[in-house]
Amino acid sequence: MDQAMGDLQAQLEEVKRLWEEERMVRTRLEAELDALRNATGSTSKDEMTVSGKKRNSDQKGAAEAEERDGKRMRVE
């Protein structure tokens, strides 16, 4: 029982470490995305440029919903 508890504790610590790494990467990428949006002169957060075309907020909302569901739209 003690060994199993120790193994689970080690797994928990690893997952916490990975979660923190992912959070830091996401924060950095969001900052980069904001910088790119500002550099291109885009003032609306409801518009995203994909393959030279702008998506409106309805399309963005649908994409966000799909990401929450663990699925992503393929953009080419």
PDB file of N, CA and C in Angstrom:
ATOM      1  N   MET A   1       0.831  -1.191   0.000  1.00  0.00           N
ATOM      2  CA  MET A   1       0.000   0.000   0.000  1.00  0.00           C
ATOM      3  C   MET A   1       0.882   1.263   0.000  1.00  0.00           C
ATOM      4  N   ASP A   2       1.939   1.260   0.799  1.00  0.00           N
ATOM      5  CA  ASP A   2       2.836   2.413   0.852  1.00  0.00           C
ATOM      6  C   ASP A   2       3.535   2.631  -0.490  1.00  0.00           C
ATOM      7  N   GLN A   3       3.925   1.530  -1.141  1.00  0.00           N
ATOM      8  CA  GLN A   3       4.582   1.650  -2.446  1.00  0.00           C
ATOM      9  C   GLN A   3       3.607   2.220  -3.479  1.00  0.00           C
ATOM     10  N   ALA A   4       2.381   1.727  -3.471  1.00  0.00           N
ATOM     11  CA  ALA A   4       1.376   2.236  -4.411  1.00  0.00           C
ATOM     12  C   ALA A   4       1.136   3.724  -4.181  1.00  0.00           C
ATOM     13  N   MET A   5       1.077   4.122  -2.922  1.00  0.00           N
ATOM     14  CA  MET A   5       0.870   5.531  -2.591  1.00  0.00           C
ATOM     15  C   MET A   5       2.060   6.368  -3.062  1.00  0.00           C
ATOM     16  N   GLY A   6       3.248   5.865  -2.892  1.00  0.00           N
ATOM     17  CA  GLY A   6       4.449   6.562  -3.358  1.00  0.00           C
ATOM     18  C   GLY A   6       4.471   6.711  -4.867  1.00  0.00           C
ATOM     19  N   ASP A   7       4.073   5.647  -5.572  1.00  0.00           N
ATOM     20  CA  ASP A   7       4.018   5.698  -7.035  1.00  0.00           C
ATOM     21  C   ASP A   7       2.999   6.739  -7.505  1.00  0.00           C
ATOM     22  N   LEU A   8       1.842   6.749  -6.873  1.00  0.00           N
ATOM     23  CA  LEU A   8       0.816   7.727  -7.242  1.00  0.00           C
ATOM     24  C   LEU A   8       1.280   9.152  -6.959  1.00  0.00           C
ATOM     25  N   GLN A   9       1.984   9.328  -5.852  1.00  0.00           N
ATOM     26  CA  GLN A   9       2.498  10.656  -5.516  1.00  0.00           C
ATOM     27  C   GLN A   9       3.506  11.115  -6.569  1.00  0.00           C
ATOM     28  N   ALA A  10       4.358  10.211  -7.024  1.00  0.00           N
ATOM     29  CA  ALA A  10       5.344  10.540  -8.054  1.00  0.00           C
ATOM     30  C   ALA A  10       4.642  10.899  -9.370  1.00  0.00           C
ATOM     31  N   GLN A  11       3.598  10.140  -9.709  1.00  0.00           N
ATOM     32  CA  GLN A  11       2.838  10.440 -10.924  1.00  0.00           C
ATOM     33  C   GLN A  11       2.163  11.802 -10.818  1.00  0.00           C
ATOM     34  N   LEU A  12       1.615  12.101  -9.662  1.00  0.00           N
ATOM     35  CA  LEU A  12       0.966  13.387  -9.440  1.00  0.00           C
ATOM     36  C   LEU A  12       1.956  14.530  -9.616  1.00  0.00           C
ATOM     37  N   GLU A  13       3.131  14.397  -9.060  1.00  0.00           N
ATOM     38  CA  GLU A  13       4.148  15.444  -9.184  1.00  0.00           C
ATOM     39  C   GLU A  13       4.558  15.637 -10.644  1.00  0.00           C
ATOM     40  N   GLU A  14       4.678  14.554 -11.385  1.00  0.00           N
ATOM     41  CA  GLU A  14       5.026  14.644 -12.809  1.00  0.00           C
ATOM     42  C   GLU A  14       3.932  15.360 -13.590  1.00  0.00           C
ATOM     43  N   VAL A  15       2.684  15.018 -13.320  1.00  0.00           N
ATOM     44  CA  VAL A  15       1.571  15.665 -14.010  1.00  0.00           C
ATOM     45  C   VAL A  15       1.519  17.157 -13.659  1.00  0.00           C
ATOM     46  N   LYS A  16       1.765  17.492 -12.406  1.00  0.00           N
ATOM     47  CA  LYS A  16       1.802  18.896 -12.005  1.00  0.00           C
ATOM     48  C   LYS A  16       2.902  19.646 -12.751  1.00  0.00           C
ATOM     49  N   ARG A  17       4.065  19.015 -12.878  1.00  0.00           N
ATOM     50  CA  ARG A  17       5.185  19.636 -13.584  1.00  0.00           C
ATOM     51  C   ARG A  17       4.837  19.856 -15.054  1.00  0.00           C
ATOM     52  N   LEU A  18       4.256  18.847 -15.695  1.00  0.00           N
ATOM     53  CA  LEU A  18       3.860  18.969 -17.100  1.00  0.00           C
ATOM     54  C   LEU A  18       2.783  20.037 -17.279  1.00  0.00           C
ATOM     55  N   TRP A  19       1.835  20.087 -16.368  1.00  0.00           N
ATOM     56  CA  TRP A  19       0.761  21.086 -16.425  1.00  0.00           C
ATOM     57  C   TRP A  19       1.365  22.500 -16.360  1.00  0.00           C
ATOM     58  N   GLU A  20       2.304  22.700 -15.452  1.00  0.00           N
ATOM     59  CA  GLU A  20       2.938  24.010 -15.304  1.00  0.00           C
ATOM     60  C   GLU A  20       3.717  24.382 -16.563  1.00  0.00           C
ATOM     61  N   GLU A  21       4.416  23.424 -17.151  1.00  0.00           N
ATOM     62  CA  GLU A  21       5.131  23.683 -18.403  1.00  0.00           C
ATOM     63  C   GLU A  21       4.165  24.099 -19.500  1.00  0.00           C
ATOM     64  N   GLU A  22       3.055  23.380 -19.628  1.00  0.00           N
ATOM     65  CA  GLU A  22       2.054  23.702 -20.645  1.00  0.00           C
ATOM     66  C   GLU A  22       1.474  25.091 -20.413  1.00  0.00           C
ATOM     67  N   ARG A  23       1.228  25.435 -19.157  1.00  0.00           N
ATOM     68  CA  ARG A  23       0.673  26.744 -18.823  1.00  0.00           C
ATOM     69  C   ARG A  23       1.647  27.854 -19.219  1.00  0.00           C
ATOM     70  N   MET A  24       2.917  27.651 -18.940  1.00  0.00           N
ATOM     71  CA  MET A  24       3.934  28.647 -19.282  1.00  0.00           C
ATOM     72  C   MET A  24       4.060  28.809 -20.797  1.00  0.00           C
ATOM     73  N   VAL A  25       4.033  27.703 -21.524  1.00  0.00           N
ATOM     74  CA  VAL A  25       4.116  27.763 -22.986  1.00  0.00           C
ATOM     75  C   VAL A  25       2.897  28.482 -23.546  1.00  0.00           C
ATOM     76  N   ARG A  26       1.725  28.165 -23.023  1.00  0.00           N
ATOM     77  CA  ARG A  26       0.504  28.810 -23.508  1.00  0.00           C
ATOM     78  C   ARG A  26       0.550  30.315 -23.250  1.00  0.00           C
ATOM     79  N   THR A  27       1.007  30.713 -22.076  1.00  0.00           N
ATOM     80  CA  THR A  27       1.115  32.132 -21.750  1.00  0.00           C
ATOM     81  C   THR A  27       2.064  32.832 -22.715  1.00  0.00           C
ATOM     82  N   ARG A  28       3.207  32.194 -22.991  1.00  0.00           N
ATOM     83  CA  ARG A  28       4.181  32.779 -23.918  1.00  0.00           C
ATOM     84  C   ARG A  28       3.598  32.884 -25.324  1.00  0.00           C
ATOM     85  N   LEU A  29       2.917  31.841 -25.777  1.00  0.00           N
ATOM     86  CA  LEU A  29       2.347  31.860 -27.125  1.00  0.00           C
ATOM     87  C   LEU A  29       1.216  32.877 -27.250  1.00  0.00           C
ATOM     88  N   GLU A  30       0.418  33.039 -26.202  1.00  0.00           N
ATOM     89  CA  GLU A  30      -0.634  34.051 -26.231  1.00  0.00           C
ATOM     90  C   GLU A  30      -0.027  35.448 -26.333  1.00  0.00           C
ATOM     91  N   ALA A  31       1.085  35.678 -25.624  1.00  0.00           N
ATOM     92  CA  ALA A  31       1.762  36.974 -25.709  1.00  0.00           C
ATOM     93  C   ALA A  31       2.311  37.191 -27.116  1.00  0.00           C
ATOM     94  N   GLU A  32       2.877  36.149 -27.713  1.00  0.00           N
ATOM     95  CA  GLU A  32       3.384  36.256 -29.086  1.00  0.00           C
ATOM     96  C   GLU A  32       2.255  36.546 -30.058  1.00  0.00           C
ATOM     97  N   LEU A  33       1.123  35.876 -29.873  1.00  0.00           N
ATOM     98  CA  LEU A  33      -0.030  36.093 -30.748  1.00  0.00           C
ATOM     99  C   LEU A  33      -0.535  37.524 -30.631  1.00  0.00           C
ATOM    100  N   ASP A  34      -0.614  38.037 -29.414  1.00  0.00           N
ATOM    101  CA  ASP A  34      -1.026  39.427 -29.216  1.00  0.00           C
ATOM    102  C   ASP A  34      -0.056  40.383 -29.906  1.00  0.00           C
ATOM    103  N   ALA A  35       1.239  40.108 -29.786  1.00  0.00           N
ATOM    104  CA  ALA A  35       2.249  40.957 -30.431  1.00  0.00           C
ATOM    105  C   ALA A  35       2.089  40.921 -31.945  1.00  0.00           C
ATOM    106  N   LEU A  36       1.839  39.743 -32.503  1.00  0.00           N
ATOM    107  CA  LEU A  36       1.648  39.627 -33.951  1.00  0.00           C
ATOM    108  C   LEU A  36       0.386  40.352 -34.397  1.00  0.00           C
ATOM    109  N   ARG A  37      -0.667  40.229 -33.618  1.00  0.00           N
ATOM    110  CA  ARG A  37      -1.907  40.936 -33.963  1.00  0.00           C
ATOM    111  C   ARG A  37      -1.674  42.436 -33.947  1.00  0.00           C
ATOM    112  N   ASN A  38      -0.959  42.924 -32.943  1.00  0.00           N
ATOM    113  CA  ASN A  38      -0.678  44.356 -32.854  1.00  0.00           C
ATOM    114  C   ASN A  38       0.237  44.813 -33.979  1.00  0.00           C
ATOM    115  N   ALA A  39       1.168  43.967 -34.376  1.00  0.00           N
ATOM    116  CA  ALA A  39       2.108  44.323 -35.434  1.00  0.00           C
ATOM    117  C   ALA A  39       1.422  44.413 -36.790  1.00  0.00           C
ATOM    118  N   THR A  40       0.369  43.623 -36.996  1.00  0.00           N
ATOM    119  CA  THR A  40      -0.337  43.637 -38.275  1.00  0.00           C
ATOM    120  C   THR A  40      -1.432  44.679 -38.299  1.00  0.00           C
ATOM    121  N   GLY A  41      -1.639  45.350 -37.168  1.00  0.00           N
ATOM    122  CA  GLY A  41      -2.632  46.414 -37.120  1.00  0.00           C
ATOM    123  C   GLY A  41      -4.040  45.935 -36.858  1.00  0.00           C
ATOM    124  N   SER A  42      -4.216  44.676 -36.555  1.00  0.00           N
ATOM    125  CA  SER A  42      -5.542  44.155 -36.241  1.00  0.00           C
ATOM    126  C   SER A  42      -5.967  44.693 -34.883  1.00  0.00           C
ATOM    127  N   THR A  43      -7.114  45.365 -34.847  1.00  0.00           N
ATOM    128  CA  THR A  43      -7.583  45.942 -33.587  1.00  0.00           C
ATOM    129  C   THR A  43      -8.733  45.156 -32.999  1.00  0.00           C
ATOM    130  N   SER A  44      -9.293  44.243 -33.752  1.00  0.00           N
ATOM    131  CA  SER A  44     -10.442  43.487 -33.280  1.00  0.00           C
ATOM    132  C   SER A  44     -10.023  42.092 -32.844  1.00  0.00           C
ATOM    133  N   LYS A  45     -10.373  41.734 -31.631  1.00  0.00           N
ATOM    134  CA  LYS A  45     -10.061  40.390 -31.154  1.00  0.00           C
ATOM    135  C   LYS A  45     -11.047  39.369 -31.714  1.00  0.00           C
ATOM    136  N   ASP A  46     -12.150  39.858 -32.336  1.00  0.00           N
ATOM    137  CA  ASP A  46     -13.142  38.955 -32.907  1.00  0.00           C
ATOM    138  C   ASP A  46     -12.747  38.496 -34.301  1.00  0.00           C
ATOM    139  N   GLU A  47     -11.647  39.034 -34.837  1.00  0.00           N
ATOM    140  CA  GLU A  47     -11.207  38.639 -36.167  1.00  0.00           C
ATOM    141  C   GLU A  47      -9.873  37.925 -36.064  1.00  0.00           C
ATOM    142  N   MET A  48      -9.755  36.817 -36.766  1.00  0.00           N
ATOM    143  CA  MET A  48      -8.495  36.085 -36.811  1.00  0.00           C
ATOM    144  C   MET A  48      -8.180  35.841 -38.275  1.00  0.00           C
ATOM    145  N   THR A  49      -6.953  35.995 -38.653  1.00  0.00           N
ATOM    146  CA  THR A  49      -6.561  35.783 -40.028  1.00  0.00           C
ATOM    147  C   THR A  49      -6.114  34.339 -40.202  1.00  0.00           C
ATOM    148  N   VAL A  50      -6.739  33.672 -41.157  1.00  0.00           N
ATOM    149  CA  VAL A  50      -6.389  32.286 -41.467  1.00  0.00           C
ATOM    150  C   VAL A  50      -6.270  32.185 -42.971  1.00  0.00           C
ATOM    151  N   SER A  51      -5.099  31.842 -43.446  1.00  0.00           N
ATOM    152  CA  SER A  51      -4.833  31.709 -44.872  1.00  0.00           C
ATOM    153  C   SER A  51      -5.238  32.967 -45.627  1.00  0.00           C
ATOM    154  N   GLY A  52      -5.017  34.132 -45.035  1.00  0.00           N
ATOM    155  CA  GLY A  52      -5.320  35.383 -45.702  1.00  0.00           C
ATOM    156  C   GLY A  52      -6.773  35.800 -45.622  1.00  0.00           C
ATOM    157  N   LYS A  53      -7.609  35.028 -44.980  1.00  0.00           N
ATOM    158  CA  LYS A  53      -9.024  35.357 -44.848  1.00  0.00           C
ATOM    159  C   LYS A  53      -9.338  35.600 -43.388  1.00  0.00           C
ATOM    160  N   LYS A  54     -10.260  36.512 -43.144  1.00  0.00           N
ATOM    161  CA  LYS A  54     -10.637  36.797 -41.767  1.00  0.00           C
ATOM    162  C   LYS A  54     -11.851  35.972 -41.389  1.00  0.00           C
ATOM    163  N   ARG A  55     -11.792  35.443 -40.150  1.00  0.00           N
ATOM    164  CA  ARG A  55     -12.943  34.711 -39.630  1.00  0.00           C
ATOM    165  C   ARG A  55     -13.726  35.668 -38.745  1.00  0.00           C
ATOM    166  N   ASN A  56     -15.045  35.599 -38.827  1.00  0.00           N
ATOM    167  CA  ASN A  56     -15.830  36.463 -37.947  1.00  0.00           C
ATOM    168  C   ASN A  56     -15.990  35.807 -36.590  1.00  0.00           C
ATOM    169  N   SER A  57     -16.620  36.503 -35.655  1.00  0.00           N
ATOM    170  CA  SER A  57     -16.704  36.009 -34.283  1.00  0.00           C
ATOM    171  C   SER A  57     -17.508  34.716 -34.179  1.00  0.00           C
ATOM    172  N   ASP A  58     -18.502  34.500 -35.081  1.00  0.00           N
ATOM    173  CA  ASP A  58     -19.271  33.259 -35.032  1.00  0.00           C
ATOM    174  C   ASP A  58     -18.380  32.062 -35.364  1.00  0.00           C
ATOM    175  N   GLN A  59     -17.537  32.199 -36.353  1.00  0.00           N
ATOM    176  CA  GLN A  59     -16.628  31.120 -36.716  1.00  0.00           C
ATOM    177  C   GLN A  59     -15.601  30.901 -35.622  1.00  0.00           C
ATOM    178  N   LYS A  60     -15.125  31.983 -35.027  1.00  0.00           N
ATOM    179  CA  LYS A  60     -14.161  31.873 -33.935  1.00  0.00           C
ATOM    180  C   LYS A  60     -14.791  31.136 -32.757  1.00  0.00           C
ATOM    181  N   GLY A  61     -16.032  31.475 -32.431  1.00  0.00           N
ATOM    182  CA  GLY A  61     -16.727  30.816 -31.321  1.00  0.00           C
ATOM    183  C   GLY A  61     -16.889  29.332 -31.560  1.00  0.00           C
ATOM    184  N   ALA A  62     -17.189  28.970 -32.795  1.00  0.00           N
ATOM    185  CA  ALA A  62     -17.336  27.549 -33.127  1.00  0.00           C
ATOM    186  C   ALA A  62     -15.999  26.829 -32.981  1.00  0.00           C
ATOM    187  N   ALA A  63     -14.917  27.494 -33.414  1.00  0.00           N
ATOM    188  CA  ALA A  63     -13.589  26.886 -33.286  1.00  0.00           C
ATOM    189  C   ALA A  63     -13.227  26.709 -31.818  1.00  0.00           C
ATOM    190  N   GLU A  64     -13.543  27.706 -30.992  1.00  0.00           N
ATOM    191  CA  GLU A  64     -13.240  27.599 -29.567  1.00  0.00           C
ATOM    192  C   GLU A  64     -14.043  26.476 -28.924  1.00  0.00           C
ATOM    193  N   ALA A  65     -15.296  26.317 -29.324  1.00  0.00           N
ATOM    194  CA  ALA A  65     -16.121  25.246 -28.777  1.00  0.00           C
ATOM    195  C   ALA A  65     -15.543  23.887 -29.148  1.00  0.00           C
ATOM    196  N   GLU A  66     -15.067  23.756 -30.382  1.00  0.00           N
ATOM    197  CA  GLU A  66     -14.465  22.496 -30.805  1.00  0.00           C
ATOM    198  C   GLU A  66     -13.195  22.210 -30.028  1.00  0.00           C
ATOM    199  N   GLU A  67     -12.397  23.244 -29.760  1.00  0.00           N
ATOM    200  CA  GLU A  67     -11.173  23.034 -28.984  1.00  0.00           C
ATOM    201  C   GLU A  67     -11.501  22.591 -27.576  1.00  0.00           C
ATOM    202  N   ARG A  68     -12.562  23.137 -26.987  1.00  0.00           N
ATOM    203  CA  ARG A  68     -12.953  22.721 -25.643  1.00  0.00           C
ATOM    204  C   ARG A  68     -13.378  21.264 -25.639  1.00  0.00           C
ATOM    205  N   ASP A  69     -13.963  20.813 -26.745  1.00  0.00           N
ATOM    206  CA  ASP A  69     -14.410  19.429 -26.837  1.00  0.00           C
ATOM    207  C   ASP A  69     -13.264  18.485 -27.156  1.00  0.00           C
ATOM    208  N   GLY A  70     -12.067  19.018 -27.258  1.00  0.00           N
ATOM    209  CA  GLY A  70     -10.898  18.182 -27.532  1.00  0.00           C
ATOM    210  C   GLY A  70     -10.678  17.947 -29.010  1.00  0.00           C
ATOM    211  N   LYS A  71     -11.383  18.681 -29.857  1.00  0.00           N
ATOM    212  CA  LYS A  71     -11.235  18.522 -31.284  1.00  0.00           C
ATOM    213  C   LYS A  71     -10.812  19.861 -31.855  1.00  0.00           C
ATOM    214  N   ARG A  72     -10.033  19.826 -32.898  1.00  0.00           N
ATOM    215  CA  ARG A  72      -9.625  21.056 -33.553  1.00  0.00           C
ATOM    216  C   ARG A  72      -9.963  20.983 -35.030  1.00  0.00           C
ATOM    217  N   MET A  73     -10.317  22.141 -35.576  1.00  0.00           N
ATOM    218  CA  MET A  73     -10.570  22.208 -36.998  1.00  0.00           C
ATOM    219  C   MET A  73      -9.236  22.180 -37.728  1.00  0.00           C
ATOM    220  N   ARG A  74      -9.200  21.542 -38.860  1.00  0.00           N
ATOM    221  CA  ARG A  74      -7.989  21.523 -39.652  1.00  0.00           C
ATOM    222  C   ARG A  74      -8.005  22.730 -40.576  1.00  0.00           C
ATOM    223  N   VAL A  75      -6.961  23.529 -40.505  1.00  0.00           N
ATOM    224  CA  VAL A  75      -6.860  24.736 -41.298  1.00  0.00           C
ATOM    225  C   VAL A  75      -5.684  24.582 -42.234  1.00  0.00           C
ATOM    226  N   GLU A  76      -5.948  24.754 -43.514  1.00  0.00           N
ATOM    227  CA  GLU A  76      -4.880  24.618 -44.508  1.00  0.00           C
ATOM    228  C   GLU A  76      -4.679  25.910 -45.239  1.00  0.00           C
TER     229      GLU A  76
END
